[in-house]
């Protein structure tokens, strides 16, 4: 994950400057762009931080940029800033996952509060993504049958029920469980299943 940055996309230079100065008072990194197209040129899935986004700009609008980020799978939290207070646009932006929709001129303290919330949300997104990647790497070490046993255990079945379901002996299931823990480095299947839950992974 890269250094968290507050990305400012606004076609008005004075707005970009004032927002940068405000963020600097809170010791937050910022980077400014005069258009949505300029931001997209550097945008990637590993960006960390949040986006302060103007609604109406020449060329691609803020709403268009939001839609493009969704299409690309970029989950950067978005705080919309508008001088127009377009309620229907704001409602649609929130439906599409925007964190907030604020009207210019925005209260500095309020904006910093929302930015901090956005940065925390982004940190959580990256934390969960890292957990998923780590968990997936561990699961790839399992055989097809071991994965099947793990899936059944995650569904709540005990060893006896799993053995009956797979038409094998209880001892065979116990052996599979031991190998699952050995391959993944987990102390128990319960720990592994808990890690799957924390990572938001459903094995079935």
N, C-alpha and C. Protein backbone atom coordinates (compact mmCIF):
# COMPACT_ATOMS: atom_id res chain seq x y z
N UNK A 1 0.85 -1.19 0.00
CA UNK A 1 0.00 0.00 0.00
C UNK A 1 0.88 1.24 0.00
N UNK A 2 0.51 2.22 -0.84
CA UNK A 2 1.28 3.46 -0.92
C UNK A 2 0.91 4.38 0.23
N UNK A 3 1.68 5.48 0.36
CA UNK A 3 1.41 6.45 1.41
C UNK A 3 0.04 7.08 1.22
N UNK A 4 -0.81 7.10 2.27
CA UNK A 4 -2.15 7.69 2.13
C UNK A 4 -2.08 9.15 1.69
N UNK A 5 -2.90 9.49 0.71
CA UNK A 5 -2.92 10.83 0.14
C UNK A 5 -4.36 11.26 -0.09
N UNK A 6 -4.62 12.54 0.15
CA UNK A 6 -5.92 13.10 -0.18
C UNK A 6 -5.82 13.67 -1.59
N UNK A 7 -6.49 13.06 -2.53
CA UNK A 7 -6.46 13.49 -3.93
C UNK A 7 -7.57 14.51 -4.15
N UNK A 8 -7.19 15.67 -4.66
CA UNK A 8 -8.13 16.77 -4.90
C UNK A 8 -8.33 16.92 -6.40
N UNK A 9 -9.57 16.75 -6.86
CA UNK A 9 -9.89 16.91 -8.28
C UNK A 9 -10.90 18.03 -8.42
N UNK A 10 -10.44 19.18 -8.91
CA UNK A 10 -11.31 20.36 -9.04
C UNK A 10 -10.72 21.25 -10.13
N UNK A 11 -11.57 21.80 -10.99
CA UNK A 11 -11.06 22.62 -12.09
C UNK A 11 -10.71 24.04 -11.67
N UNK A 12 -11.07 24.43 -10.45
CA UNK A 12 -10.77 25.80 -9.98
C UNK A 12 -9.48 25.83 -9.18
N UNK A 13 -8.46 26.55 -9.68
CA UNK A 13 -7.15 26.58 -8.99
C UNK A 13 -7.26 27.07 -7.55
N UNK A 14 -8.10 28.08 -7.29
CA UNK A 14 -8.19 28.62 -5.93
C UNK A 14 -8.74 27.59 -4.96
N UNK A 15 -9.65 26.75 -5.42
CA UNK A 15 -10.20 25.69 -4.57
C UNK A 15 -9.12 24.67 -4.26
N UNK A 16 -8.35 24.30 -5.28
CA UNK A 16 -7.30 23.31 -5.06
C UNK A 16 -6.28 23.82 -4.05
N UNK A 17 -5.90 25.07 -4.18
CA UNK A 17 -4.91 25.65 -3.27
C UNK A 17 -5.46 25.72 -1.85
N UNK A 18 -6.68 26.19 -1.70
CA UNK A 18 -7.25 26.35 -0.35
C UNK A 18 -7.42 25.00 0.34
N UNK A 19 -7.84 24.00 -0.42
CA UNK A 19 -7.99 22.68 0.17
C UNK A 19 -6.64 22.09 0.57
N UNK A 20 -5.64 22.29 -0.25
CA UNK A 20 -4.29 21.80 0.07
C UNK A 20 -3.77 22.43 1.35
N UNK A 21 -3.98 23.73 1.49
CA UNK A 21 -3.52 24.43 2.70
C UNK A 21 -4.25 23.91 3.93
N UNK A 22 -5.57 23.71 3.79
CA UNK A 22 -6.36 23.18 4.91
C UNK A 22 -5.85 21.81 5.33
N UNK A 23 -5.61 20.95 4.37
CA UNK A 23 -5.13 19.59 4.68
C UNK A 23 -3.74 19.63 5.30
N UNK A 24 -2.92 20.56 4.85
CA UNK A 24 -1.56 20.69 5.41
C UNK A 24 -1.61 21.05 6.89
N UNK A 25 -2.61 21.83 7.31
CA UNK A 25 -2.73 22.19 8.73
C UNK A 25 -3.00 20.96 9.59
N UNK A 26 -3.57 19.91 8.97
CA UNK A 26 -3.84 18.66 9.69
C UNK A 26 -2.77 17.62 9.41
N UNK A 27 -1.64 18.07 8.80
CA UNK A 27 -0.50 17.18 8.49
C UNK A 27 -0.92 16.03 7.57
N UNK A 28 -1.77 16.33 6.59
CA UNK A 28 -2.21 15.34 5.63
C UNK A 28 -1.60 15.61 4.26
N UNK A 29 -1.12 14.56 3.62
CA UNK A 29 -0.59 14.69 2.28
C UNK A 29 -1.72 14.93 1.29
N UNK A 30 -1.48 15.76 0.30
CA UNK A 30 -2.48 16.00 -0.74
C UNK A 30 -1.81 16.08 -2.10
N UNK A 31 -2.62 15.86 -3.13
CA UNK A 31 -2.15 15.94 -4.51
C UNK A 31 -3.30 16.45 -5.35
N UNK A 32 -3.04 17.46 -6.16
CA UNK A 32 -4.12 18.16 -6.88
C UNK A 32 -4.14 17.81 -8.37
N UNK A 33 -5.38 17.81 -8.92
CA UNK A 33 -5.59 17.56 -10.33
C UNK A 33 -6.67 18.52 -10.83
N UNK A 34 -6.45 19.08 -12.01
CA UNK A 34 -7.39 20.06 -12.56
C UNK A 34 -8.52 19.42 -13.33
N UNK A 35 -8.46 18.12 -13.53
CA UNK A 35 -9.52 17.44 -14.27
C UNK A 35 -9.59 15.98 -13.86
N UNK A 36 -10.75 15.38 -14.13
CA UNK A 36 -10.92 13.94 -13.85
C UNK A 36 -9.98 13.12 -14.73
N UNK A 37 -9.80 13.58 -15.96
CA UNK A 37 -8.92 12.84 -16.88
C UNK A 37 -7.48 12.79 -16.36
N UNK A 38 -7.02 13.91 -15.79
CA UNK A 38 -5.66 13.95 -15.26
C UNK A 38 -5.50 12.99 -14.09
N UNK A 39 -6.52 12.90 -13.26
CA UNK A 39 -6.46 11.97 -12.14
C UNK A 39 -6.46 10.52 -12.62
N UNK A 40 -7.30 10.22 -13.61
CA UNK A 40 -7.36 8.85 -14.12
C UNK A 40 -6.03 8.39 -14.70
N UNK A 41 -5.24 9.34 -15.19
CA UNK A 41 -3.95 9.00 -15.79
C UNK A 41 -2.98 8.39 -14.79
N UNK A 42 -3.17 8.69 -13.49
CA UNK A 42 -2.25 8.15 -12.47
C UNK A 42 -2.97 7.16 -11.55
N UNK A 43 -4.26 6.93 -11.82
CA UNK A 43 -5.07 6.14 -10.90
C UNK A 43 -4.82 4.64 -11.07
N UNK A 44 -4.70 3.94 -9.94
CA UNK A 44 -4.54 2.50 -9.96
C UNK A 44 -5.15 1.89 -8.71
N UNK A 45 -5.28 0.57 -8.67
CA UNK A 45 -5.93 -0.10 -7.53
C UNK A 45 -5.17 0.02 -6.22
N UNK A 46 -3.88 0.36 -6.28
CA UNK A 46 -3.07 0.44 -5.06
C UNK A 46 -3.07 1.82 -4.42
N UNK A 47 -3.79 2.77 -5.00
CA UNK A 47 -3.84 4.10 -4.40
C UNK A 47 -4.43 4.00 -2.99
N UNK A 48 -3.83 4.74 -2.08
CA UNK A 48 -4.31 4.76 -0.69
C UNK A 48 -4.64 6.18 -0.30
N UNK A 49 -5.78 6.37 0.33
CA UNK A 49 -6.19 7.70 0.77
C UNK A 49 -7.65 7.92 0.52
N UNK A 50 -8.00 9.10 0.00
CA UNK A 50 -9.39 9.39 -0.35
C UNK A 50 -9.40 10.45 -1.44
N UNK A 51 -10.59 10.73 -1.95
CA UNK A 51 -10.74 11.63 -3.09
C UNK A 51 -11.72 12.74 -2.75
N UNK A 52 -11.25 14.00 -2.86
CA UNK A 52 -12.13 15.17 -2.78
C UNK A 52 -12.46 15.55 -4.21
N UNK A 53 -13.72 15.41 -4.58
CA UNK A 53 -14.08 15.46 -6.00
C UNK A 53 -15.16 16.50 -6.29
N UNK A 54 -14.84 17.42 -7.20
CA UNK A 54 -15.82 18.40 -7.65
C UNK A 54 -16.86 17.69 -8.53
N UNK A 55 -18.08 18.19 -8.52
CA UNK A 55 -19.14 17.56 -9.30
C UNK A 55 -19.11 18.01 -10.76
N UNK A 56 -19.12 19.33 -10.97
CA UNK A 56 -19.21 19.86 -12.33
C UNK A 56 -17.86 20.40 -12.79
N UNK A 57 -17.32 19.77 -13.82
CA UNK A 57 -16.03 20.17 -14.39
C UNK A 57 -16.10 20.05 -15.89
N UNK A 58 -15.28 20.81 -16.61
CA UNK A 58 -15.21 20.63 -18.07
C UNK A 58 -14.75 19.20 -18.38
N UNK A 59 -15.28 18.64 -19.47
CA UNK A 59 -14.91 17.28 -19.79
C UNK A 59 -15.65 16.30 -18.91
N UNK A 60 -14.93 15.35 -18.34
CA UNK A 60 -15.54 14.34 -17.49
C UNK A 60 -15.99 14.95 -16.17
N UNK A 61 -17.23 14.72 -15.80
CA UNK A 61 -17.77 15.25 -14.55
C UNK A 61 -17.33 14.37 -13.37
N UNK A 62 -17.57 14.89 -12.17
CA UNK A 62 -17.26 14.10 -10.99
C UNK A 62 -18.04 12.81 -10.94
N UNK A 63 -19.30 12.85 -11.34
CA UNK A 63 -20.14 11.64 -11.36
C UNK A 63 -19.61 10.63 -12.38
N UNK A 64 -19.14 11.13 -13.52
CA UNK A 64 -18.56 10.23 -14.53
C UNK A 64 -17.29 9.58 -14.00
N UNK A 65 -16.49 10.35 -13.28
CA UNK A 65 -15.27 9.80 -12.71
C UNK A 65 -15.60 8.72 -11.69
N UNK A 66 -16.59 8.98 -10.84
CA UNK A 66 -17.00 7.97 -9.87
C UNK A 66 -17.39 6.67 -10.58
N UNK A 67 -18.17 6.78 -11.63
CA UNK A 67 -18.61 5.60 -12.38
C UNK A 67 -17.41 4.85 -12.98
N UNK A 68 -16.43 5.59 -13.49
CA UNK A 68 -15.24 4.96 -14.08
C UNK A 68 -14.40 4.26 -13.02
N UNK A 69 -14.29 4.86 -11.84
CA UNK A 69 -13.54 4.23 -10.76
C UNK A 69 -14.21 2.93 -10.33
N UNK A 70 -15.53 2.94 -10.28
CA UNK A 70 -16.27 1.71 -9.95
C UNK A 70 -16.00 0.65 -11.00
N UNK A 71 -16.03 1.05 -12.28
CA UNK A 71 -15.78 0.11 -13.37
C UNK A 71 -14.39 -0.50 -13.27
N UNK A 72 -13.42 0.29 -12.83
CA UNK A 72 -12.04 -0.19 -12.72
C UNK A 72 -11.78 -0.94 -11.41
N UNK A 73 -12.75 -0.95 -10.53
CA UNK A 73 -12.56 -1.64 -9.26
C UNK A 73 -11.73 -0.86 -8.26
N UNK A 74 -11.65 0.46 -8.42
CA UNK A 74 -10.90 1.32 -7.49
C UNK A 74 -11.86 1.75 -6.38
N UNK A 75 -11.52 1.41 -5.13
CA UNK A 75 -12.45 1.63 -4.02
C UNK A 75 -12.06 2.85 -3.17
N UNK A 76 -11.40 3.80 -3.76
CA UNK A 76 -10.98 4.99 -3.03
C UNK A 76 -12.22 5.73 -2.51
N UNK A 77 -12.33 5.98 -1.20
CA UNK A 77 -13.49 6.71 -0.67
C UNK A 77 -13.60 8.10 -1.29
N UNK A 78 -14.82 8.49 -1.64
CA UNK A 78 -15.04 9.77 -2.33
C UNK A 78 -15.89 10.71 -1.47
N UNK A 79 -15.39 11.94 -1.34
CA UNK A 79 -16.18 13.02 -0.75
C UNK A 79 -16.43 14.03 -1.87
N UNK A 80 -17.68 14.20 -2.28
CA UNK A 80 -18.01 15.15 -3.33
C UNK A 80 -18.12 16.56 -2.75
N UNK A 81 -17.62 17.53 -3.52
CA UNK A 81 -17.74 18.94 -3.17
C UNK A 81 -18.42 19.64 -4.34
N UNK A 82 -19.48 20.40 -4.05
CA UNK A 82 -20.19 21.08 -5.12
C UNK A 82 -20.61 22.48 -4.70
N UNK A 83 -20.63 23.39 -5.64
CA UNK A 83 -21.10 24.75 -5.38
C UNK A 83 -22.57 24.88 -5.73
N UNK A 84 -23.16 23.79 -6.19
CA UNK A 84 -24.52 23.88 -6.72
C UNK A 84 -25.56 23.22 -5.83
N UNK A 85 -25.15 22.34 -4.93
CA UNK A 85 -26.11 21.69 -4.05
C UNK A 85 -27.16 20.91 -4.81
N UNK A 86 -26.72 20.21 -5.87
CA UNK A 86 -27.62 19.43 -6.71
C UNK A 86 -28.05 18.18 -5.95
N UNK A 87 -29.26 18.22 -5.33
CA UNK A 87 -29.72 17.14 -4.48
C UNK A 87 -29.84 15.80 -5.21
N UNK A 88 -30.47 15.73 -6.40
CA UNK A 88 -30.56 14.44 -7.10
C UNK A 88 -29.18 13.84 -7.40
N UNK A 89 -28.23 14.70 -7.78
CA UNK A 89 -26.87 14.22 -8.04
C UNK A 89 -26.25 13.67 -6.76
N UNK A 90 -26.48 14.38 -5.66
CA UNK A 90 -25.94 13.93 -4.38
C UNK A 90 -26.52 12.61 -3.95
N UNK A 91 -27.81 12.43 -4.13
CA UNK A 91 -28.46 11.17 -3.76
C UNK A 91 -27.90 10.02 -4.58
N UNK A 92 -27.74 10.25 -5.88
CA UNK A 92 -27.21 9.20 -6.75
C UNK A 92 -25.76 8.88 -6.39
N UNK A 93 -24.97 9.93 -6.07
CA UNK A 93 -23.57 9.71 -5.70
C UNK A 93 -23.46 8.85 -4.44
N UNK A 94 -24.33 9.11 -3.47
CA UNK A 94 -24.32 8.32 -2.24
C UNK A 94 -24.76 6.88 -2.50
N UNK A 95 -25.74 6.71 -3.40
CA UNK A 95 -26.18 5.36 -3.77
C UNK A 95 -25.04 4.56 -4.38
N UNK A 96 -24.18 5.27 -5.12
CA UNK A 96 -23.05 4.62 -5.78
C UNK A 96 -21.85 4.45 -4.85
N UNK A 97 -21.99 4.84 -3.59
CA UNK A 97 -20.93 4.56 -2.62
C UNK A 97 -20.13 5.75 -2.15
N UNK A 98 -20.48 6.97 -2.57
CA UNK A 98 -19.75 8.14 -2.08
C UNK A 98 -19.92 8.25 -0.57
N UNK A 99 -18.86 8.69 0.09
CA UNK A 99 -18.91 8.80 1.55
C UNK A 99 -19.70 10.02 1.98
N UNK A 100 -19.60 11.12 1.22
CA UNK A 100 -20.30 12.35 1.61
C UNK A 100 -20.49 13.24 0.39
N UNK A 101 -21.40 14.22 0.53
CA UNK A 101 -21.70 15.17 -0.54
C UNK A 101 -21.86 16.53 0.12
N UNK A 102 -20.81 17.36 0.04
CA UNK A 102 -20.77 18.62 0.77
C UNK A 102 -20.86 19.81 -0.20
N UNK A 103 -21.49 20.88 0.28
CA UNK A 103 -21.67 22.08 -0.53
C UNK A 103 -20.59 23.12 -0.22
N UNK A 104 -20.01 23.68 -1.28
CA UNK A 104 -19.04 24.77 -1.13
C UNK A 104 -19.76 26.07 -0.80
N UNK A 105 -19.17 26.97 -0.02
CA UNK A 105 -17.92 26.75 0.72
C UNK A 105 -18.16 25.82 1.90
N UNK A 106 -17.27 24.87 2.07
CA UNK A 106 -17.44 23.86 3.11
C UNK A 106 -16.73 24.29 4.39
N UNK A 107 -17.33 23.96 5.52
CA UNK A 107 -16.70 24.24 6.81
C UNK A 107 -15.43 23.41 6.94
N UNK A 108 -14.31 24.08 7.24
CA UNK A 108 -13.02 23.40 7.29
C UNK A 108 -12.96 22.27 8.30
N UNK A 109 -13.50 22.52 9.50
CA UNK A 109 -13.47 21.50 10.54
C UNK A 109 -14.29 20.27 10.13
N UNK A 110 -15.44 20.53 9.51
CA UNK A 110 -16.28 19.43 9.05
C UNK A 110 -15.58 18.62 7.97
N UNK A 111 -14.96 19.33 7.04
CA UNK A 111 -14.27 18.63 5.95
C UNK A 111 -13.14 17.76 6.49
N UNK A 112 -12.35 18.29 7.41
CA UNK A 112 -11.25 17.50 7.97
C UNK A 112 -11.78 16.27 8.71
N UNK A 113 -12.90 16.45 9.38
CA UNK A 113 -13.52 15.31 10.08
C UNK A 113 -13.92 14.23 9.09
N UNK A 114 -14.53 14.63 7.98
CA UNK A 114 -14.97 13.66 6.97
C UNK A 114 -13.78 13.04 6.26
N UNK A 115 -12.72 13.82 6.04
CA UNK A 115 -11.51 13.28 5.41
C UNK A 115 -10.88 12.22 6.31
N UNK A 116 -10.80 12.49 7.61
CA UNK A 116 -10.23 11.50 8.53
C UNK A 116 -11.06 10.23 8.52
N UNK A 117 -12.38 10.35 8.45
CA UNK A 117 -13.25 9.18 8.38
C UNK A 117 -13.00 8.40 7.08
N UNK A 118 -12.80 9.14 5.98
CA UNK A 118 -12.53 8.50 4.70
C UNK A 118 -11.20 7.76 4.71
N UNK A 119 -10.19 8.37 5.31
CA UNK A 119 -8.88 7.72 5.38
C UNK A 119 -8.94 6.46 6.24
N UNK A 120 -9.71 6.51 7.31
CA UNK A 120 -9.86 5.33 8.17
C UNK A 120 -10.59 4.22 7.41
N UNK A 121 -11.60 4.59 6.65
CA UNK A 121 -12.32 3.61 5.84
C UNK A 121 -11.40 2.96 4.82
N UNK A 122 -10.55 3.78 4.20
CA UNK A 122 -9.62 3.25 3.20
C UNK A 122 -8.60 2.31 3.84
N UNK A 123 -8.13 2.66 5.04
CA UNK A 123 -7.19 1.78 5.75
C UNK A 123 -7.85 0.42 6.01
N UNK A 124 -9.13 0.44 6.38
CA UNK A 124 -9.84 -0.81 6.64
C UNK A 124 -10.00 -1.61 5.36
N UNK A 125 -10.31 -0.94 4.24
CA UNK A 125 -10.41 -1.63 2.95
C UNK A 125 -9.11 -2.35 2.62
N UNK A 126 -7.99 -1.66 2.79
CA UNK A 126 -6.68 -2.26 2.48
C UNK A 126 -6.34 -3.38 3.46
N UNK A 127 -6.71 -3.21 4.72
CA UNK A 127 -6.43 -4.25 5.71
C UNK A 127 -7.17 -5.54 5.34
N UNK A 128 -8.43 -5.42 4.99
CA UNK A 128 -9.22 -6.59 4.62
C UNK A 128 -8.68 -7.22 3.34
N UNK A 129 -8.29 -6.40 2.38
CA UNK A 129 -7.73 -6.92 1.12
C UNK A 129 -6.45 -7.71 1.38
N UNK A 130 -5.61 -7.21 2.28
CA UNK A 130 -4.38 -7.92 2.62
C UNK A 130 -4.68 -9.24 3.32
N UNK A 131 -5.69 -9.25 4.19
CA UNK A 131 -6.09 -10.49 4.85
C UNK A 131 -6.60 -11.51 3.84
N UNK A 132 -7.37 -11.04 2.87
CA UNK A 132 -7.89 -11.94 1.85
C UNK A 132 -6.77 -12.56 1.02
N UNK A 133 -5.79 -11.73 0.64
CA UNK A 133 -4.67 -12.24 -0.14
C UNK A 133 -3.87 -13.27 0.64
N UNK A 134 -3.61 -12.97 1.91
CA UNK A 134 -2.85 -13.89 2.75
C UNK A 134 -3.61 -15.19 2.94
N UNK A 135 -4.92 -15.08 3.17
CA UNK A 135 -5.72 -16.28 3.38
C UNK A 135 -5.78 -17.11 2.11
N UNK A 136 -5.96 -16.46 0.97
CA UNK A 136 -6.03 -17.19 -0.31
C UNK A 136 -4.73 -17.95 -0.57
N UNK A 137 -3.60 -17.35 -0.22
CA UNK A 137 -2.31 -18.01 -0.41
C UNK A 137 -2.21 -19.27 0.44
N UNK A 138 -2.75 -19.22 1.64
CA UNK A 138 -2.72 -20.39 2.52
C UNK A 138 -3.65 -21.49 2.01
N UNK A 139 -4.81 -21.10 1.53
CA UNK A 139 -5.79 -22.08 1.05
C UNK A 139 -5.30 -22.78 -0.21
N UNK A 140 -4.51 -22.08 -1.02
CA UNK A 140 -4.00 -22.70 -2.25
C UNK A 140 -3.08 -23.89 -1.97
N UNK A 141 -2.60 -23.99 -0.74
CA UNK A 141 -1.71 -25.10 -0.36
C UNK A 141 -2.48 -26.40 -0.13
N UNK A 142 -3.80 -26.33 -0.03
CA UNK A 142 -4.61 -27.50 0.30
C UNK A 142 -4.96 -28.33 -0.94
N UNK A 143 -5.14 -29.62 -0.72
CA UNK A 143 -5.66 -30.48 -1.79
C UNK A 143 -7.16 -30.25 -1.93
N UNK A 144 -7.72 -30.78 -3.01
CA UNK A 144 -9.16 -30.60 -3.24
C UNK A 144 -9.98 -31.21 -2.10
N UNK A 145 -9.58 -32.38 -1.61
CA UNK A 145 -10.32 -33.01 -0.53
C UNK A 145 -10.17 -32.24 0.79
N UNK A 146 -8.98 -31.74 1.04
CA UNK A 146 -8.77 -30.96 2.26
C UNK A 146 -9.61 -29.68 2.23
N UNK A 147 -9.68 -29.07 1.06
CA UNK A 147 -10.51 -27.86 0.93
C UNK A 147 -11.99 -28.20 1.16
N UNK A 148 -12.39 -29.36 0.65
CA UNK A 148 -13.78 -29.80 0.84
C UNK A 148 -14.09 -30.00 2.32
N UNK A 149 -13.17 -30.59 3.04
CA UNK A 149 -13.35 -30.78 4.48
C UNK A 149 -13.44 -29.43 5.19
N UNK A 150 -12.59 -28.49 4.78
CA UNK A 150 -12.60 -27.16 5.39
C UNK A 150 -13.92 -26.44 5.11
N UNK A 151 -14.44 -26.58 3.90
CA UNK A 151 -15.71 -25.96 3.54
C UNK A 151 -16.84 -26.51 4.41
N UNK A 152 -16.84 -27.81 4.60
CA UNK A 152 -17.89 -28.44 5.42
C UNK A 152 -17.75 -28.03 6.88
N UNK A 153 -16.51 -27.91 7.35
CA UNK A 153 -16.29 -27.46 8.73
C UNK A 153 -16.76 -26.03 8.91
N UNK A 154 -16.51 -25.18 7.89
CA UNK A 154 -16.96 -23.79 7.96
C UNK A 154 -18.48 -23.70 7.98
N UNK A 155 -19.15 -24.64 7.36
CA UNK A 155 -20.61 -24.64 7.35
C UNK A 155 -21.20 -25.05 8.69
N UNK A 156 -20.35 -25.53 9.62
CA UNK A 156 -20.83 -25.88 10.96
C UNK A 156 -20.88 -27.37 11.24
N UNK A 157 -20.49 -28.19 10.30
CA UNK A 157 -20.53 -29.65 10.50
C UNK A 157 -19.38 -30.11 11.38
N UNK A 158 -19.65 -31.08 12.27
CA UNK A 158 -18.58 -31.65 13.09
C UNK A 158 -17.91 -32.79 12.34
N UNK A 159 -16.87 -33.38 12.93
CA UNK A 159 -16.10 -34.42 12.25
C UNK A 159 -16.96 -35.61 11.83
N UNK A 160 -17.83 -36.04 12.73
CA UNK A 160 -18.66 -37.21 12.45
C UNK A 160 -19.59 -36.94 11.27
N UNK A 161 -20.17 -35.76 11.25
CA UNK A 161 -21.09 -35.40 10.15
C UNK A 161 -20.35 -35.28 8.83
N UNK A 162 -19.13 -34.72 8.88
CA UNK A 162 -18.33 -34.61 7.65
C UNK A 162 -17.96 -35.99 7.13
N UNK A 163 -17.58 -36.89 8.04
CA UNK A 163 -17.23 -38.26 7.65
C UNK A 163 -18.41 -38.96 6.99
N UNK A 164 -19.60 -38.77 7.57
CA UNK A 164 -20.80 -39.37 7.00
C UNK A 164 -21.11 -38.77 5.64
N UNK A 165 -20.98 -37.47 5.53
CA UNK A 165 -21.28 -36.77 4.27
C UNK A 165 -20.35 -37.23 3.15
N UNK A 166 -19.07 -37.44 3.48
CA UNK A 166 -18.08 -37.83 2.47
C UNK A 166 -17.92 -39.34 2.35
N UNK A 167 -18.63 -40.07 3.19
CA UNK A 167 -18.59 -41.54 3.18
C UNK A 167 -17.18 -42.06 3.43
N UNK A 168 -16.52 -41.48 4.43
CA UNK A 168 -15.20 -41.93 4.84
C UNK A 168 -15.21 -42.11 6.36
N UNK A 169 -14.11 -42.65 6.88
CA UNK A 169 -14.04 -42.89 8.31
C UNK A 169 -13.78 -41.60 9.09
N UNK A 170 -14.16 -41.62 10.36
CA UNK A 170 -13.90 -40.48 11.23
C UNK A 170 -12.40 -40.22 11.33
N UNK A 171 -11.62 -41.29 11.37
CA UNK A 171 -10.17 -41.14 11.47
C UNK A 171 -9.61 -40.43 10.24
N UNK A 172 -10.19 -40.69 9.07
CA UNK A 172 -9.73 -40.04 7.85
C UNK A 172 -9.97 -38.53 7.93
N UNK A 173 -11.13 -38.14 8.45
CA UNK A 173 -11.44 -36.72 8.59
C UNK A 173 -10.49 -36.06 9.58
N UNK A 174 -10.20 -36.74 10.67
CA UNK A 174 -9.27 -36.20 11.66
C UNK A 174 -7.89 -36.00 11.05
N UNK A 175 -7.51 -36.95 10.18
CA UNK A 175 -6.22 -36.85 9.49
C UNK A 175 -6.21 -35.66 8.53
N UNK A 176 -7.32 -35.47 7.81
CA UNK A 176 -7.43 -34.32 6.90
C UNK A 176 -7.32 -33.01 7.68
N UNK A 177 -7.99 -32.94 8.81
CA UNK A 177 -7.96 -31.71 9.62
C UNK A 177 -6.54 -31.41 10.08
N UNK A 178 -5.82 -32.43 10.48
CA UNK A 178 -4.43 -32.24 10.93
C UNK A 178 -3.56 -31.71 9.81
N UNK A 179 -3.75 -32.28 8.59
CA UNK A 179 -2.95 -31.84 7.45
C UNK A 179 -3.31 -30.42 7.03
N UNK A 180 -4.58 -30.06 7.15
CA UNK A 180 -5.00 -28.69 6.83
C UNK A 180 -4.27 -27.70 7.73
N UNK A 181 -4.22 -28.00 9.01
CA UNK A 181 -3.54 -27.11 9.95
C UNK A 181 -2.04 -27.06 9.66
N UNK A 182 -1.47 -28.21 9.32
CA UNK A 182 -0.04 -28.27 9.04
C UNK A 182 0.31 -27.45 7.79
N UNK A 183 -0.49 -27.58 6.74
CA UNK A 183 -0.20 -26.88 5.48
C UNK A 183 -0.40 -25.36 5.61
N UNK A 184 -1.38 -24.96 6.39
CA UNK A 184 -1.71 -23.53 6.47
C UNK A 184 -1.03 -22.83 7.64
N UNK A 185 -0.45 -23.61 8.57
CA UNK A 185 0.19 -23.01 9.73
C UNK A 185 -0.79 -22.59 10.82
N UNK A 186 -2.05 -23.01 10.69
CA UNK A 186 -3.05 -22.68 11.70
C UNK A 186 -2.95 -23.65 12.87
N UNK A 187 -3.26 -23.15 14.07
CA UNK A 187 -3.22 -24.02 15.25
C UNK A 187 -4.43 -24.95 15.30
N UNK A 188 -5.51 -24.55 14.64
CA UNK A 188 -6.73 -25.36 14.63
C UNK A 188 -7.59 -24.94 13.45
N UNK A 189 -8.56 -25.79 13.10
CA UNK A 189 -9.49 -25.42 12.04
C UNK A 189 -10.34 -24.24 12.46
N UNK A 190 -10.66 -24.18 13.76
CA UNK A 190 -11.45 -23.06 14.27
C UNK A 190 -10.73 -21.74 14.03
N UNK A 191 -9.41 -21.74 14.25
CA UNK A 191 -8.62 -20.52 14.01
C UNK A 191 -8.64 -20.15 12.53
N UNK A 192 -8.50 -21.15 11.67
CA UNK A 192 -8.49 -20.91 10.22
C UNK A 192 -9.84 -20.37 9.75
N UNK A 193 -10.92 -20.93 10.26
CA UNK A 193 -12.26 -20.48 9.90
C UNK A 193 -12.49 -19.05 10.40
N UNK A 194 -11.97 -18.75 11.59
CA UNK A 194 -12.08 -17.39 12.12
C UNK A 194 -11.34 -16.41 11.21
N UNK A 195 -10.17 -16.81 10.73
CA UNK A 195 -9.41 -15.95 9.83
C UNK A 195 -10.18 -15.73 8.52
N UNK A 196 -10.87 -16.75 8.05
CA UNK A 196 -11.68 -16.62 6.84
C UNK A 196 -12.80 -15.60 7.07
N UNK A 197 -13.40 -15.67 8.25
CA UNK A 197 -14.48 -14.74 8.59
C UNK A 197 -13.94 -13.30 8.65
N UNK A 198 -12.79 -13.12 9.29
CA UNK A 198 -12.19 -11.79 9.41
C UNK A 198 -11.84 -11.22 8.04
N UNK A 199 -11.46 -12.10 7.12
CA UNK A 199 -11.10 -11.66 5.76
C UNK A 199 -12.32 -11.53 4.87
N UNK A 200 -13.49 -11.86 5.40
CA UNK A 200 -14.70 -11.76 4.58
C UNK A 200 -14.76 -12.81 3.49
N UNK A 201 -14.15 -13.98 3.74
CA UNK A 201 -14.08 -15.03 2.73
C UNK A 201 -15.06 -16.15 3.06
N UNK A 202 -15.91 -16.49 2.11
CA UNK A 202 -16.78 -17.64 2.24
C UNK A 202 -16.26 -18.71 1.30
N UNK A 203 -15.89 -19.85 1.85
CA UNK A 203 -15.21 -20.87 1.05
C UNK A 203 -16.15 -21.59 0.09
N UNK A 204 -17.44 -21.65 0.42
CA UNK A 204 -18.37 -22.38 -0.44
C UNK A 204 -18.76 -21.53 -1.63
